[in-house]
Amino acid sequence: MRGNERGRGDRGFVTAESAVVLPVLVMFAMALVWGLLAVAAQIQCMDAARTGARAAARQDPEDAVVKVTREVAPPGARVTVTREGDLVRVTVVAEPAALTGLPFEVREEAVAAAEETVGVGS
């Protein structure tokens, strides 16, 4: 009989514990998803910058480099192509798709040596 009396006092404790723990678990899960989306956008930006740098190194026109880079980059990404001597630099900046309300952006940059164009100057 004493075992039943002890159980009666703990009935509401599980409910109260669940009310505190469930929102924390939901917030933790949302933070994990947010982090995964940010990492995925970072990887896309890195791939896009490398693709653009390869195209720019081959002496492709700047508008073609930007087009190729945007095809690989996350939607709405900003692409910048610059040339500094024999180096070409492609920068990709994007806001992760699901995180548009936050002031957060990912940025990647790739640099490549410009290849000599065949037949230039002859």
PDB file of N, CA and C in Angstrom:
ATOM      1  N   MET A   1       0.814  -1.184   0.000  1.00  0.00           N
ATOM      2  CA  MET A   1       0.000   0.000   0.000  1.00  0.00           C
ATOM      3  C   MET A   1       0.859   1.250   0.000  1.00  0.00           C
ATOM      4  N   ARG A   2       1.980   1.216   0.673  1.00  0.00           N
ATOM      5  CA  ARG A   2       2.840   2.398   0.725  1.00  0.00           C
ATOM      6  C   ARG A   2       3.405   2.727  -0.661  1.00  0.00           C
ATOM      7  N   GLY A   3       3.650   1.733  -1.517  1.00  0.00           N
ATOM      8  CA  GLY A   3       4.161   1.974  -2.855  1.00  0.00           C
ATOM      9  C   GLY A   3       3.202   2.815  -3.673  1.00  0.00           C
ATOM     10  N   ASN A   4       1.906   2.592  -3.497  1.00  0.00           N
ATOM     11  CA  ASN A   4       0.909   3.370  -4.235  1.00  0.00           C
ATOM     12  C   ASN A   4       0.860   4.813  -3.761  1.00  0.00           C
ATOM     13  N   GLU A   5       1.093   5.044  -2.503  1.00  0.00           N
ATOM     14  CA  GLU A   5       1.039   6.406  -1.969  1.00  0.00           C
ATOM     15  C   GLU A   5       2.202   7.239  -2.494  1.00  0.00           C
ATOM     16  N   ARG A   6       3.358   6.654  -2.663  1.00  0.00           N
ATOM     17  CA  ARG A   6       4.507   7.400  -3.189  1.00  0.00           C
ATOM     18  C   ARG A   6       4.293   7.788  -4.642  1.00  0.00           C
ATOM     19  N   GLY A   7       3.714   6.945  -5.446  1.00  0.00           N
ATOM     20  CA  GLY A   7       3.487   7.209  -6.860  1.00  0.00           C
ATOM     21  C   GLY A   7       2.537   8.361  -7.103  1.00  0.00           C
ATOM     22  N   ARG A   8       1.615   8.610  -6.190  1.00  0.00           N
ATOM     23  CA  ARG A   8       0.630   9.682  -6.381  1.00  0.00           C
ATOM     24  C   ARG A   8       1.267  11.066  -6.366  1.00  0.00           C
ATOM     25  N   GLY A   9       2.300  11.257  -5.617  1.00  0.00           N
ATOM     26  CA  GLY A   9       2.918  12.577  -5.525  1.00  0.00           C
ATOM     27  C   GLY A   9       3.783  12.919  -6.731  1.00  0.00           C
ATOM     28  N   ASP A  10       4.186  11.933  -7.514  1.00  0.00           N
ATOM     29  CA  ASP A  10       5.072  12.169  -8.651  1.00  0.00           C
ATOM     30  C   ASP A  10       4.335  12.267  -9.981  1.00  0.00           C
ATOM     31  N   ARG A  11       3.056  12.159  -9.983  1.00  0.00           N
ATOM     32  CA  ARG A  11       2.309  12.151 -11.243  1.00  0.00           C
ATOM     33  C   ARG A  11       2.497  13.433 -12.048  1.00  0.00           C
ATOM     34  N   GLY A  12       2.406  14.580 -11.483  1.00  0.00           N
ATOM     35  CA  GLY A  12       2.526  15.842 -12.201  1.00  0.00           C
ATOM     36  C   GLY A  12       3.955  16.207 -12.548  1.00  0.00           C
ATOM     37  N   PHE A  13       4.901  15.555 -11.929  1.00  0.00           N
ATOM     38  CA  PHE A  13       6.304  15.862 -12.154  1.00  0.00           C
ATOM     39  C   PHE A  13       6.721  15.536 -13.582  1.00  0.00           C
ATOM     40  N   VAL A  14       6.260  14.428 -14.125  1.00  0.00           N
ATOM     41  CA  VAL A  14       6.613  14.027 -15.494  1.00  0.00           C
ATOM     42  C   VAL A  14       6.038  15.025 -16.487  1.00  0.00           C
ATOM     43  N   THR A  15       4.843  15.496 -16.267  1.00  0.00           N
ATOM     44  CA  THR A  15       4.226  16.481 -17.152  1.00  0.00           C
ATOM     45  C   THR A  15       4.993  17.789 -17.122  1.00  0.00           C
ATOM     46  N   ALA A  16       5.367  18.236 -15.958  1.00  0.00           N
ATOM     47  CA  ALA A  16       6.119  19.484 -15.837  1.00  0.00           C
ATOM     48  C   ALA A  16       7.496  19.348 -16.474  1.00  0.00           C
ATOM     49  N   GLU A  17       8.125  18.214 -16.294  1.00  0.00           N
ATOM     50  CA  GLU A  17       9.435  17.970 -16.894  1.00  0.00           C
ATOM     51  C   GLU A  17       9.338  17.986 -18.415  1.00  0.00           C
ATOM     52  N   SER A  18       8.310  17.360 -18.952  1.00  0.00           N
ATOM     53  CA  SER A  18       8.107  17.342 -20.403  1.00  0.00           C
ATOM     54  C   SER A  18       7.853  18.736 -20.947  1.00  0.00           C
ATOM     55  N   ALA A  19       7.120  19.544 -20.205  1.00  0.00           N
ATOM     56  CA  ALA A  19       6.820  20.900 -20.653  1.00  0.00           C
ATOM     57  C   ALA A  19       8.079  21.760 -20.749  1.00  0.00           C
ATOM     58  N   VAL A  20       9.079  21.448 -19.965  1.00  0.00           N
ATOM     59  CA  VAL A  20      10.338  22.199 -20.005  1.00  0.00           C
ATOM     60  C   VAL A  20      11.290  21.603 -21.039  1.00  0.00           C
ATOM     61  N   VAL A  21      11.356  20.294 -21.123  1.00  0.00           N
ATOM     62  CA  VAL A  21      12.343  19.635 -21.972  1.00  0.00           C
ATOM     63  C   VAL A  21      11.971  19.685 -23.450  1.00  0.00           C
ATOM     64  N   LEU A  22      10.714  19.537 -23.816  1.00  0.00           N
ATOM     65  CA  LEU A  22      10.320  19.501 -25.220  1.00  0.00           C
ATOM     66  C   LEU A  22      10.682  20.786 -25.974  1.00  0.00           C
ATOM     67  N   PRO A  23      10.413  21.974 -25.453  1.00  0.00           N
ATOM     68  CA  PRO A  23      10.839  23.175 -26.185  1.00  0.00           C
ATOM     69  C   PRO A  23      12.362  23.264 -26.348  1.00  0.00           C
ATOM     70  N   VAL A  24      13.099  22.809 -25.368  1.00  0.00           N
ATOM     71  CA  VAL A  24      14.561  22.813 -25.476  1.00  0.00           C
ATOM     72  C   VAL A  24      15.007  21.858 -26.583  1.00  0.00           C
ATOM     73  N   LEU A  25      14.395  20.692 -26.663  1.00  0.00           N
ATOM     74  CA  LEU A  25      14.731  19.736 -27.712  1.00  0.00           C
ATOM     75  C   LEU A  25      14.379  20.274 -29.097  1.00  0.00           C
ATOM     76  N   VAL A  26      13.252  20.938 -29.208  1.00  0.00           N
ATOM     77  CA  VAL A  26      12.856  21.533 -30.490  1.00  0.00           C
ATOM     78  C   VAL A  26      13.849  22.615 -30.896  1.00  0.00           C
ATOM     79  N   MET A  27      14.250  23.457 -29.963  1.00  0.00           N
ATOM     80  CA  MET A  27      15.222  24.517 -30.266  1.00  0.00           C
ATOM     81  C   MET A  27      16.566  23.904 -30.677  1.00  0.00           C
ATOM     82  N   PHE A  28      16.982  22.853 -30.008  1.00  0.00           N
ATOM     83  CA  PHE A  28      18.228  22.175 -30.346  1.00  0.00           C
ATOM     84  C   PHE A  28      18.154  21.593 -31.750  1.00  0.00           C
ATOM     85  N   ALA A  29      17.039  20.964 -32.088  1.00  0.00           N
ATOM     86  CA  ALA A  29      16.865  20.397 -33.430  1.00  0.00           C
ATOM     87  C   ALA A  29      16.872  21.496 -34.483  1.00  0.00           C
ATOM     88  N   MET A  30      16.238  22.622 -34.201  1.00  0.00           N
ATOM     89  CA  MET A  30      16.234  23.743 -35.149  1.00  0.00           C
ATOM     90  C   MET A  30      17.643  24.307 -35.339  1.00  0.00           C
ATOM     91  N   ALA A  31      18.418  24.374 -34.271  1.00  0.00           N
ATOM     92  CA  ALA A  31      19.795  24.860 -34.376  1.00  0.00           C
ATOM     93  C   ALA A  31      20.641  23.909 -35.223  1.00  0.00           C
ATOM     94  N   LEU A  32      20.430  22.616 -35.079  1.00  0.00           N
ATOM     95  CA  LEU A  32      21.155  21.646 -35.898  1.00  0.00           C
ATOM     96  C   LEU A  32      20.801  21.795 -37.374  1.00  0.00           C
ATOM     97  N   VAL A  33      19.528  21.942 -37.675  1.00  0.00           N
ATOM     98  CA  VAL A  33      19.099  22.125 -39.064  1.00  0.00           C
ATOM     99  C   VAL A  33      19.669  23.417 -39.626  1.00  0.00           C
ATOM    100  N   TRP A  34      19.642  24.489 -38.828  1.00  0.00           N
ATOM    101  CA  TRP A  34      20.199  25.766 -39.253  1.00  0.00           C
ATOM    102  C   TRP A  34      21.682  25.622 -39.573  1.00  0.00           C
ATOM    103  N   GLY A  35      22.411  24.930 -38.727  1.00  0.00           N
ATOM    104  CA  GLY A  35      23.830  24.718 -38.962  1.00  0.00           C
ATOM    105  C   GLY A  35      24.093  23.911 -40.222  1.00  0.00           C
ATOM    106  N   LEU A  36      23.292  22.881 -40.455  1.00  0.00           N
ATOM    107  CA  LEU A  36      23.451  22.069 -41.665  1.00  0.00           C
ATOM    108  C   LEU A  36      23.174  22.888 -42.920  1.00  0.00           C
ATOM    109  N   LEU A  37      22.156  23.746 -42.876  1.00  0.00           N
ATOM    110  CA  LEU A  37      21.852  24.596 -44.026  1.00  0.00           C
ATOM    111  C   LEU A  37      22.978  25.586 -44.292  1.00  0.00           C
ATOM    112  N   ALA A  38      23.560  26.115 -43.239  1.00  0.00           N
ATOM    113  CA  ALA A  38      24.672  27.056 -43.400  1.00  0.00           C
ATOM    114  C   ALA A  38      25.882  26.351 -44.004  1.00  0.00           C
ATOM    115  N   VAL A  39      26.182  25.153 -43.550  1.00  0.00           N
ATOM    116  CA  VAL A  39      27.315  24.396 -44.090  1.00  0.00           C
ATOM    117  C   VAL A  39      27.058  24.024 -45.547  1.00  0.00           C
ATOM    118  N   ALA A  40      25.837  23.635 -45.880  1.00  0.00           N
ATOM    119  CA  ALA A  40      25.507  23.292 -47.265  1.00  0.00           C
ATOM    120  C   ALA A  40      25.678  24.507 -48.181  1.00  0.00           C
ATOM    121  N   ALA A  41      25.243  25.678 -47.724  1.00  0.00           N
ATOM    122  CA  ALA A  41      25.418  26.893 -48.521  1.00  0.00           C
ATOM    123  C   ALA A  41      26.895  27.241 -48.673  1.00  0.00           C
ATOM    124  N   GLN A  42      27.679  27.023 -47.624  1.00  0.00           N
ATOM    125  CA  GLN A  42      29.124  27.288 -47.684  1.00  0.00           C
ATOM    126  C   GLN A  42      29.782  26.388 -48.725  1.00  0.00           C
ATOM    127  N   ILE A  43      29.406  25.128 -48.749  1.00  0.00           N
ATOM    128  CA  ILE A  43      29.981  24.185 -49.714  1.00  0.00           C
ATOM    129  C   ILE A  43      29.581  24.565 -51.134  1.00  0.00           C
ATOM    130  N   GLN A  44      28.325  24.976 -51.327  1.00  0.00           N
ATOM    131  CA  GLN A  44      27.887  25.409 -52.648  1.00  0.00           C
ATOM    132  C   GLN A  44      28.666  26.631 -53.108  1.00  0.00           C
ATOM    133  N   CYS A  45      28.900  27.571 -52.209  1.00  0.00           N
ATOM    134  CA  CYS A  45      29.671  28.767 -52.554  1.00  0.00           C
ATOM    135  C   CYS A  45      31.106  28.403 -52.918  1.00  0.00           C
ATOM    136  N   MET A  46      31.679  27.481 -52.185  1.00  0.00           N
ATOM    137  CA  MET A  46      33.051  27.051 -52.469  1.00  0.00           C
ATOM    138  C   MET A  46      33.130  26.404 -53.854  1.00  0.00           C
ATOM    139  N   ASP A  47      32.199  25.518 -54.161  1.00  0.00           N
ATOM    140  CA  ASP A  47      32.180  24.873 -55.472  1.00  0.00           C
ATOM    141  C   ASP A  47      31.980  25.902 -56.580  1.00  0.00           C
ATOM    142  N   ALA A  48      31.092  26.860 -56.359  1.00  0.00           N
ATOM    143  CA  ALA A  48      30.822  27.886 -57.367  1.00  0.00           C
ATOM    144  C   ALA A  48      32.050  28.761 -57.600  1.00  0.00           C
ATOM    145  N   ALA A  49      32.716  29.161 -56.532  1.00  0.00           N
ATOM    146  CA  ALA A  49      33.909  30.002 -56.676  1.00  0.00           C
ATOM    147  C   ALA A  49      35.014  29.261 -57.430  1.00  0.00           C
ATOM    148  N   ARG A  50      35.200  27.994 -57.132  1.00  0.00           N
ATOM    149  CA  ARG A  50      36.217  27.212 -57.840  1.00  0.00           C
ATOM    150  C   ARG A  50      35.869  27.046 -59.311  1.00  0.00           C
ATOM    151  N   THR A  51      34.602  26.789 -59.595  1.00  0.00           N
ATOM    152  CA  THR A  51      34.169  26.655 -60.986  1.00  0.00           C
ATOM    153  C   THR A  51      34.390  27.957 -61.740  1.00  0.00           C
ATOM    154  N   GLY A  52      34.035  29.062 -61.119  1.00  0.00           N
ATOM    155  CA  GLY A  52      34.236  30.365 -61.754  1.00  0.00           C
ATOM    156  C   GLY A  52      35.705  30.693 -61.951  1.00  0.00           C
ATOM    157  N   ALA A  53      36.541  30.353 -60.981  1.00  0.00           N
ATOM    158  CA  ALA A  53      37.971  30.627 -61.103  1.00  0.00           C
ATOM    159  C   ALA A  53      38.586  29.817 -62.245  1.00  0.00           C
ATOM    160  N   ARG A  54      38.156  28.568 -62.399  1.00  0.00           N
ATOM    161  CA  ARG A  54      38.658  27.760 -63.520  1.00  0.00           C
ATOM    162  C   ARG A  54      38.251  28.372 -64.859  1.00  0.00           C
ATOM    163  N   ALA A  55      36.992  28.817 -64.946  1.00  0.00           N
ATOM    164  CA  ALA A  55      36.515  29.426 -66.189  1.00  0.00           C
ATOM    165  C   ALA A  55      37.251  30.737 -66.470  1.00  0.00           C
ATOM    166  N   ALA A  56      37.469  31.534 -65.449  1.00  0.00           N
ATOM    167  CA  ALA A  56      38.181  32.798 -65.636  1.00  0.00           C
ATOM    168  C   ALA A  56      39.637  32.557 -65.999  1.00  0.00           C
ATOM    169  N   ALA A  57      40.248  31.524 -65.452  1.00  0.00           N
ATOM    170  CA  ALA A  57      41.641  31.204 -65.767  1.00  0.00           C
ATOM    171  C   ALA A  57      41.799  30.786 -67.221  1.00  0.00           C
ATOM    172  N   ARG A  58      40.743  30.216 -67.793  1.00  0.00           N
ATOM    173  CA  ARG A  58      40.777  29.822 -69.214  1.00  0.00           C
ATOM    174  C   ARG A  58      40.534  31.005 -70.143  1.00  0.00           C
ATOM    175  N   GLN A  59      40.423  32.198 -69.576  1.00  0.00           N
ATOM    176  CA  GLN A  59      40.191  33.423 -70.338  1.00  0.00           C
ATOM    177  C   GLN A  59      38.778  33.499 -70.909  1.00  0.00           C
ATOM    178  N   ASP A  60      37.802  32.843 -70.266  1.00  0.00           N
ATOM    179  CA  ASP A  60      36.402  32.990 -70.687  1.00  0.00           C
ATOM    180  C   ASP A  60      35.970  34.420 -70.430  1.00  0.00           C
ATOM    181  N   PRO A  61      35.015  34.940 -71.223  1.00  0.00           N
ATOM    182  CA  PRO A  61      34.520  36.301 -70.977  1.00  0.00           C
ATOM    183  C   PRO A  61      33.895  36.411 -69.577  1.00  0.00           C
ATOM    184  N   GLU A  62      33.951  37.604 -69.005  1.00  0.00           N
ATOM    185  CA  GLU A  62      33.489  37.786 -67.628  1.00  0.00           C
ATOM    186  C   GLU A  62      32.020  37.419 -67.454  1.00  0.00           C
ATOM    187  N   ASP A  63      31.166  37.776 -68.420  1.00  0.00           N
ATOM    188  CA  ASP A  63      29.743  37.439 -68.281  1.00  0.00           C
ATOM    189  C   ASP A  63      29.530  35.929 -68.317  1.00  0.00           C
ATOM    190  N   ALA A  64      30.346  35.199 -69.082  1.00  0.00           N
ATOM    191  CA  ALA A  64      30.247  33.730 -69.107  1.00  0.00           C
ATOM    192  C   ALA A  64      30.711  33.147 -67.781  1.00  0.00           C
ATOM    193  N   VAL A  65      31.753  33.741 -67.193  1.00  0.00           N
ATOM    194  CA  VAL A  65      32.248  33.276 -65.892  1.00  0.00           C
ATOM    195  C   VAL A  65      31.168  33.468 -64.827  1.00  0.00           C
ATOM    196  N   VAL A  66      30.535  34.644 -64.825  1.00  0.00           N
ATOM    197  CA  VAL A  66      29.475  34.918 -63.852  1.00  0.00           C
ATOM    198  C   VAL A  66      28.308  33.957 -64.047  1.00  0.00           C
ATOM    199  N   LYS A  67      27.943  33.689 -65.302  1.00  0.00           N
ATOM    200  CA  LYS A  67      26.826  32.777 -65.584  1.00  0.00           C
ATOM    201  C   LYS A  67      27.117  31.366 -65.076  1.00  0.00           C
ATOM    202  N   VAL A  68      28.310  30.866 -65.375  1.00  0.00           N
ATOM    203  CA  VAL A  68      28.689  29.515 -64.929  1.00  0.00           C
ATOM    204  C   VAL A  68      28.727  29.453 -63.405  1.00  0.00           C
ATOM    205  N   THR A  69      29.246  30.501 -62.791  1.00  0.00           N
ATOM    206  CA  THR A  69      29.344  30.521 -61.330  1.00  0.00           C
ATOM    207  C   THR A  69      27.967  30.534 -60.689  1.00  0.00           C
ATOM    208  N   ARG A  70      27.047  31.322 -61.225  1.00  0.00           N
ATOM    209  CA  ARG A  70      25.694  31.400 -60.656  1.00  0.00           C
ATOM    210  C   ARG A  70      24.920  30.099 -60.817  1.00  0.00           C
ATOM    211  N   GLU A  71      25.244  29.317 -61.833  1.00  0.00           N
ATOM    212  CA  GLU A  71      24.571  28.031 -62.012  1.00  0.00           C
ATOM    213  C   GLU A  71      24.900  27.072 -60.864  1.00  0.00           C
ATOM    214  N   VAL A  72      26.091  27.198 -60.313  1.00  0.00           N
ATOM    215  CA  VAL A  72      26.526  26.302 -59.239  1.00  0.00           C
ATOM    216  C   VAL A  72      26.213  26.895 -57.865  1.00  0.00           C
ATOM    217  N   ALA A  73      26.171  28.213 -57.773  1.00  0.00           N
ATOM    218  CA  ALA A  73      25.994  28.901 -56.486  1.00  0.00           C
ATOM    219  C   ALA A  73      24.557  28.783 -55.980  1.00  0.00           C
ATOM    220  N   PRO A  74      24.354  29.043 -54.687  1.00  0.00           N
ATOM    221  CA  PRO A  74      22.987  29.068 -54.152  1.00  0.00           C
ATOM    222  C   PRO A  74      22.174  30.180 -54.815  1.00  0.00           C
ATOM    223  N   PRO A  75      20.857  30.053 -54.853  1.00  0.00           N
ATOM    224  CA  PRO A  75      20.036  31.091 -55.478  1.00  0.00           C
ATOM    225  C   PRO A  75      20.257  32.460 -54.824  1.00  0.00           C
ATOM    226  N   GLY A  76      20.338  33.486 -55.657  1.00  0.00           N
ATOM    227  CA  GLY A  76      20.497  34.847 -55.152  1.00  0.00           C
ATOM    228  C   GLY A  76      21.918  35.216 -54.761  1.00  0.00           C
ATOM    229  N   ALA A  77      22.891  34.401 -55.113  1.00  0.00           N
ATOM    230  CA  ALA A  77      24.279  34.671 -54.733  1.00  0.00           C
ATOM    231  C   ALA A  77      24.835  35.846 -55.539  1.00  0.00           C
ATOM    232  N   ARG A  78      25.729  36.586 -54.906  1.00  0.00           N
ATOM    233  CA  ARG A  78      26.430  37.682 -55.573  1.00  0.00           C
ATOM    234  C   ARG A  78      27.803  37.165 -56.002  1.00  0.00           C
ATOM    235  N   VAL A  79      28.130  37.398 -57.259  1.00  0.00           N
ATOM    236  CA  VAL A  79      29.390  36.899 -57.820  1.00  0.00           C
ATOM    237  C   VAL A  79      30.234  38.093 -58.261  1.00  0.00           C
ATOM    238  N   THR A  80      31.504  38.087 -57.867  1.00  0.00           N
ATOM    239  CA  THR A  80      32.442  39.130 -58.259  1.00  0.00           C
ATOM    240  C   THR A  80      33.653  38.469 -58.898  1.00  0.00           C
ATOM    241  N   VAL A  81      34.046  38.971 -60.076  1.00  0.00           N
ATOM    242  CA  VAL A  81      35.214  38.459 -60.784  1.00  0.00           C
ATOM    243  C   VAL A  81      36.206  39.608 -60.931  1.00  0.00           C
ATOM    244  N   THR A  82      37.427  39.417 -60.457  1.00  0.00           N
ATOM    245  CA  THR A  82      38.465  40.438 -60.597  1.00  0.00           C
ATOM    246  C   THR A  82      39.738  39.796 -61.123  1.00  0.00           C
ATOM    247  N   ARG A  83      40.550  40.619 -61.740  1.00  0.00           N
ATOM    248  CA  ARG A  83      41.842  40.140 -62.230  1.00  0.00           C
ATOM    249  C   ARG A  83      42.931  41.036 -61.664  1.00  0.00           C
ATOM    250  N   GLU A  84      43.950  40.413 -61.099  1.00  0.00           N
ATOM    251  CA  GLU A  84      45.076  41.128 -60.510  1.00  0.00           C
ATOM    252  C   GLU A  84      46.353  40.553 -61.113  1.00  0.00           C
ATOM    253  N   GLY A  85      46.834  41.178 -62.171  1.00  0.00           N
ATOM    254  CA  GLY A  85      48.015  40.654 -62.852  1.00  0.00           C
ATOM    255  C   GLY A  85      47.700  39.332 -63.516  1.00  0.00           C
ATOM    256  N   ASP A  86      48.420  38.299 -63.154  1.00  0.00           N
ATOM    257  CA  ASP A  86      48.204  36.964 -63.727  1.00  0.00           C
ATOM    258  C   ASP A  86      47.215  36.128 -62.922  1.00  0.00           C
ATOM    259  N   LEU A  87      46.623  36.712 -61.894  1.00  0.00           N
ATOM    260  CA  LEU A  87      45.679  35.977 -61.053  1.00  0.00           C
ATOM    261  C   LEU A  87      44.254  36.441 -61.307  1.00  0.00           C
ATOM    262  N   VAL A  88      43.340  35.483 -61.317  1.00  0.00           N
ATOM    263  CA  VAL A  88      41.909  35.801 -61.365  1.00  0.00           C
ATOM    264  C   VAL A  88      41.301  35.388 -60.030  1.00  0.00           C
ATOM    265  N   ARG A  89      40.397  36.198 -59.536  1.00  0.00           N
ATOM    266  CA  ARG A  89      39.776  35.957 -58.235  1.00  0.00           C
ATOM    267  C   ARG A  89      38.258  36.005 -58.413  1.00  0.00           C
ATOM    268  N   VAL A  90      37.603  34.945 -57.962  1.00  0.00           N
ATOM    269  CA  VAL A  90      36.136  34.872 -58.020  1.00  0.00           C
ATOM    270  C   VAL A  90      35.620  34.785 -56.590  1.00  0.00           C
ATOM    271  N   THR A  91      34.718  35.687 -56.240  1.00  0.00           N
ATOM    272  CA  THR A  91      34.132  35.726 -54.904  1.00  0.00           C
ATOM    273  C   THR A  91      32.638  35.471 -55.015  1.00  0.00           C
ATOM    274  N   VAL A  92      32.127  34.588 -54.174  1.00  0.00           N
ATOM    275  CA  VAL A  92      30.705  34.264 -54.136  1.00  0.00           C
ATOM    276  C   VAL A  92      30.203  34.527 -52.724  1.00  0.00           C
ATOM    277  N   VAL A  93      29.149  35.346 -52.614  1.00  0.00           N
ATOM    278  CA  VAL A  93      28.543  35.668 -51.321  1.00  0.00           C
ATOM    279  C   VAL A  93      27.061  35.345 -51.424  1.00  0.00           C
ATOM    280  N   ALA A  94      26.543  34.593 -50.467  1.00  0.00           N
ATOM    281  CA  ALA A  94      25.134  34.194 -50.509  1.00  0.00           C
ATOM    282  C   ALA A  94      24.558  34.118 -49.107  1.00  0.00           C
ATOM    283  N   GLU A  95      23.261  34.294 -49.033  1.00  0.00           N
ATOM    284  CA  GLU A  95      22.522  34.057 -47.795  1.00  0.00           C
ATOM    285  C   GLU A  95      21.888  32.683 -47.917  1.00  0.00           C
ATOM    286  N   PRO A  96      22.064  31.827 -46.933  1.00  0.00           N
ATOM    287  CA  PRO A  96      21.418  30.512 -46.995  1.00  0.00           C
ATOM    288  C   PRO A  96      19.905  30.647 -47.169  1.00  0.00           C
ATOM    289  N   ALA A  97      19.337  29.794 -47.987  1.00  0.00           N
ATOM    290  CA  ALA A  97      17.933  29.919 -48.395  1.00  0.00           C
ATOM    291  C   ALA A  97      16.948  29.974 -47.232  1.00  0.00           C
ATOM    292  N   ALA A  98      17.060  29.088 -46.285  1.00  0.00           N
ATOM    293  CA  ALA A  98      16.097  29.019 -45.190  1.00  0.00           C
ATOM    294  C   ALA A  98      16.393  30.035 -44.086  1.00  0.00           C
ATOM    295  N   LEU A  99      17.484  30.772 -44.200  1.00  0.00           N
ATOM    296  CA  LEU A  99      17.890  31.683 -43.141  1.00  0.00           C
ATOM    297  C   LEU A  99      17.792  33.138 -43.579  1.00  0.00           C
ATOM    298  N   THR A 100      16.845  33.459 -44.463  1.00  0.00           N
ATOM    299  CA  THR A 100      16.767  34.802 -45.020  1.00  0.00           C
ATOM    300  C   THR A 100      16.439  35.858 -43.978  1.00  0.00           C
ATOM    301  N   GLY A 101      15.786  35.518 -42.905  1.00  0.00           N
ATOM    302  CA  GLY A 101      15.443  36.494 -41.882  1.00  0.00           C
ATOM    303  C   GLY A 101      16.607  36.887 -40.994  1.00  0.00           C
ATOM    304  N   LEU A 102      17.677  36.105 -41.019  1.00  0.00           N
ATOM    305  CA  LEU A 102      18.837  36.376 -40.172  1.00  0.00           C
ATOM    306  C   LEU A 102      19.908  37.129 -40.954  1.00  0.00           C
ATOM    307  N   PRO A 103      20.636  38.019 -40.299  1.00  0.00           N
ATOM    308  CA  PRO A 103      21.713  38.740 -40.987  1.00  0.00           C
ATOM    309  C   PRO A 103      22.965  37.861 -41.070  1.00  0.00           C
ATOM    310  N   PHE A 104      22.870  36.818 -41.851  1.00  0.00           N
ATOM    311  CA  PHE A 104      23.940  35.824 -41.936  1.00  0.00           C
ATOM    312  C   PHE A 104      24.203  35.537 -43.398  1.00  0.00           C
ATOM    313  N   GLU A 105      25.448  35.552 -43.793  1.00  0.00           N
ATOM    314  CA  GLU A 105      25.798  35.198 -45.157  1.00  0.00           C
ATOM    315  C   GLU A 105      27.092  34.393 -45.155  1.00  0.00           C
ATOM    316  N   VAL A 106      27.228  33.598 -46.196  1.00  0.00           N
ATOM    317  CA  VAL A 106      28.444  32.816 -46.364  1.00  0.00           C
ATOM    318  C   VAL A 106      29.215  33.402 -47.538  1.00  0.00           C
ATOM    319  N   ARG A 107      30.541  33.293 -47.453  1.00  0.00           N
ATOM    320  CA  ARG A 107      31.399  33.905 -48.463  1.00  0.00           C
ATOM    321  C   ARG A 107      32.555  32.953 -48.762  1.00  0.00           C
ATOM    322  N   GLU A 108      32.805  32.752 -50.032  1.00  0.00           N
ATOM    323  CA  GLU A 108      33.945  31.939 -50.459  1.00  0.00           C
ATOM    324  C   GLU A 108      34.643  32.650 -51.604  1.00  0.00           C
ATOM    325  N   GLU A 109      35.926  32.385 -51.693  1.00  0.00           N
ATOM    326  CA  GLU A 109      36.748  33.032 -52.703  1.00  0.00           C
ATOM    327  C   GLU A 109      37.711  32.003 -53.267  1.00  0.00           C
ATOM    328  N   ALA A 110      37.912  32.052 -54.584  1.00  0.00           N
ATOM    329  CA  ALA A 110      38.865  31.155 -55.225  1.00  0.00           C
ATOM    330  C   ALA A 110      39.776  31.975 -56.129  1.00  0.00           C
ATOM    331  N   VAL A 111      41.040  31.625 -56.139  1.00  0.00           N
ATOM    332  CA  VAL A 111      42.042  32.326 -56.944  1.00  0.00           C
ATOM    333  C   VAL A 111      42.717  31.306 -57.844  1.00  0.00           C
ATOM    334  N   ALA A 112      42.930  31.698 -59.097  1.00  0.00           N
ATOM    335  CA  ALA A 112      43.616  30.806 -60.038  1.00  0.00           C
ATOM    336  C   ALA A 112      44.562  31.640 -60.893  1.00  0.00           C
ATOM    337  N   ALA A 113      45.610  31.002 -61.375  1.00  0.00           N
ATOM    338  CA  ALA A 113      46.539  31.659 -62.289  1.00  0.00           C
ATOM    339  C   ALA A 113      45.926  31.650 -63.681  1.00  0.00           C
ATOM    340  N   ALA A 114      45.950  32.811 -64.319  1.00  0.00           N
ATOM    341  CA  ALA A 114      45.383  32.921 -65.661  1.00  0.00           C
ATOM    342  C   ALA A 114      46.261  32.170 -66.655  1.00  0.00           C
ATOM    343  N   GLU A 115      45.636  31.388 -67.489  1.00  0.00           N
ATOM    344  CA  GLU A 115      46.364  30.655 -68.514  1.00  0.00           C
ATOM    345  C   GLU A 115      46.649  31.591 -69.679  1.00  0.00           C
ATOM    346  N   GLU A 116      47.740  31.366 -70.337  1.00  0.00           N
ATOM    347  CA  GLU A 116      48.076  32.177 -71.503  1.00  0.00           C
ATOM    348  C   GLU A 116      47.149  31.771 -72.652  1.00  0.00           C
ATOM    349  N   THR A 117      46.684  32.760 -73.368  1.00  0.00           N
ATOM    350  CA  THR A 117      45.830  32.488 -74.506  1.00  0.00           C
ATOM    351  C   THR A 117      46.706  32.110 -75.698  1.00  0.00           C
ATOM    352  N   VAL A 118      46.346  31.067 -76.401  1.00  0.00           N
ATOM    353  CA  VAL A 118      47.122  30.581 -77.528  1.00  0.00           C
ATOM    354  C   VAL A 118      46.989  31.578 -78.686  1.00  0.00           C
ATOM    355  N   GLY A 119      48.091  31.985 -79.245  1.00  0.00           N
ATOM    356  CA  GLY A 119      48.085  32.848 -80.411  1.00  0.00           C
ATOM    357  C   GLY A 119      48.002  34.332 -80.109  1.00  0.00           C
ATOM    358  N   VAL A 120      48.007  34.736 -78.836  1.00  0.00           N
ATOM    359  CA  VAL A 120      47.927  36.149 -78.513  1.00  0.00           C
ATOM    360  C   VAL A 120      49.253  36.813 -78.891  1.00  0.00           C
ATOM    361  N   GLY A 121      49.168  37.934 -79.568  1.00  0.00           N
ATOM    362  CA  GLY A 121      50.351  38.698 -79.922  1.00  0.00           C
ATOM    363  C   GLY A 121      51.049  38.220 -81.178  1.00  0.00           C
ATOM    364  N   SER A 122      50.466  37.250 -81.866  1.00  0.00           N
ATOM    365  CA  SER A 122      51.143  36.796 -83.099  1.00  0.00           C
ATOM    366  C   SER A 122      50.347  37.180 -84.325  1.00  0.00           C
TER     367      SER A 122
END
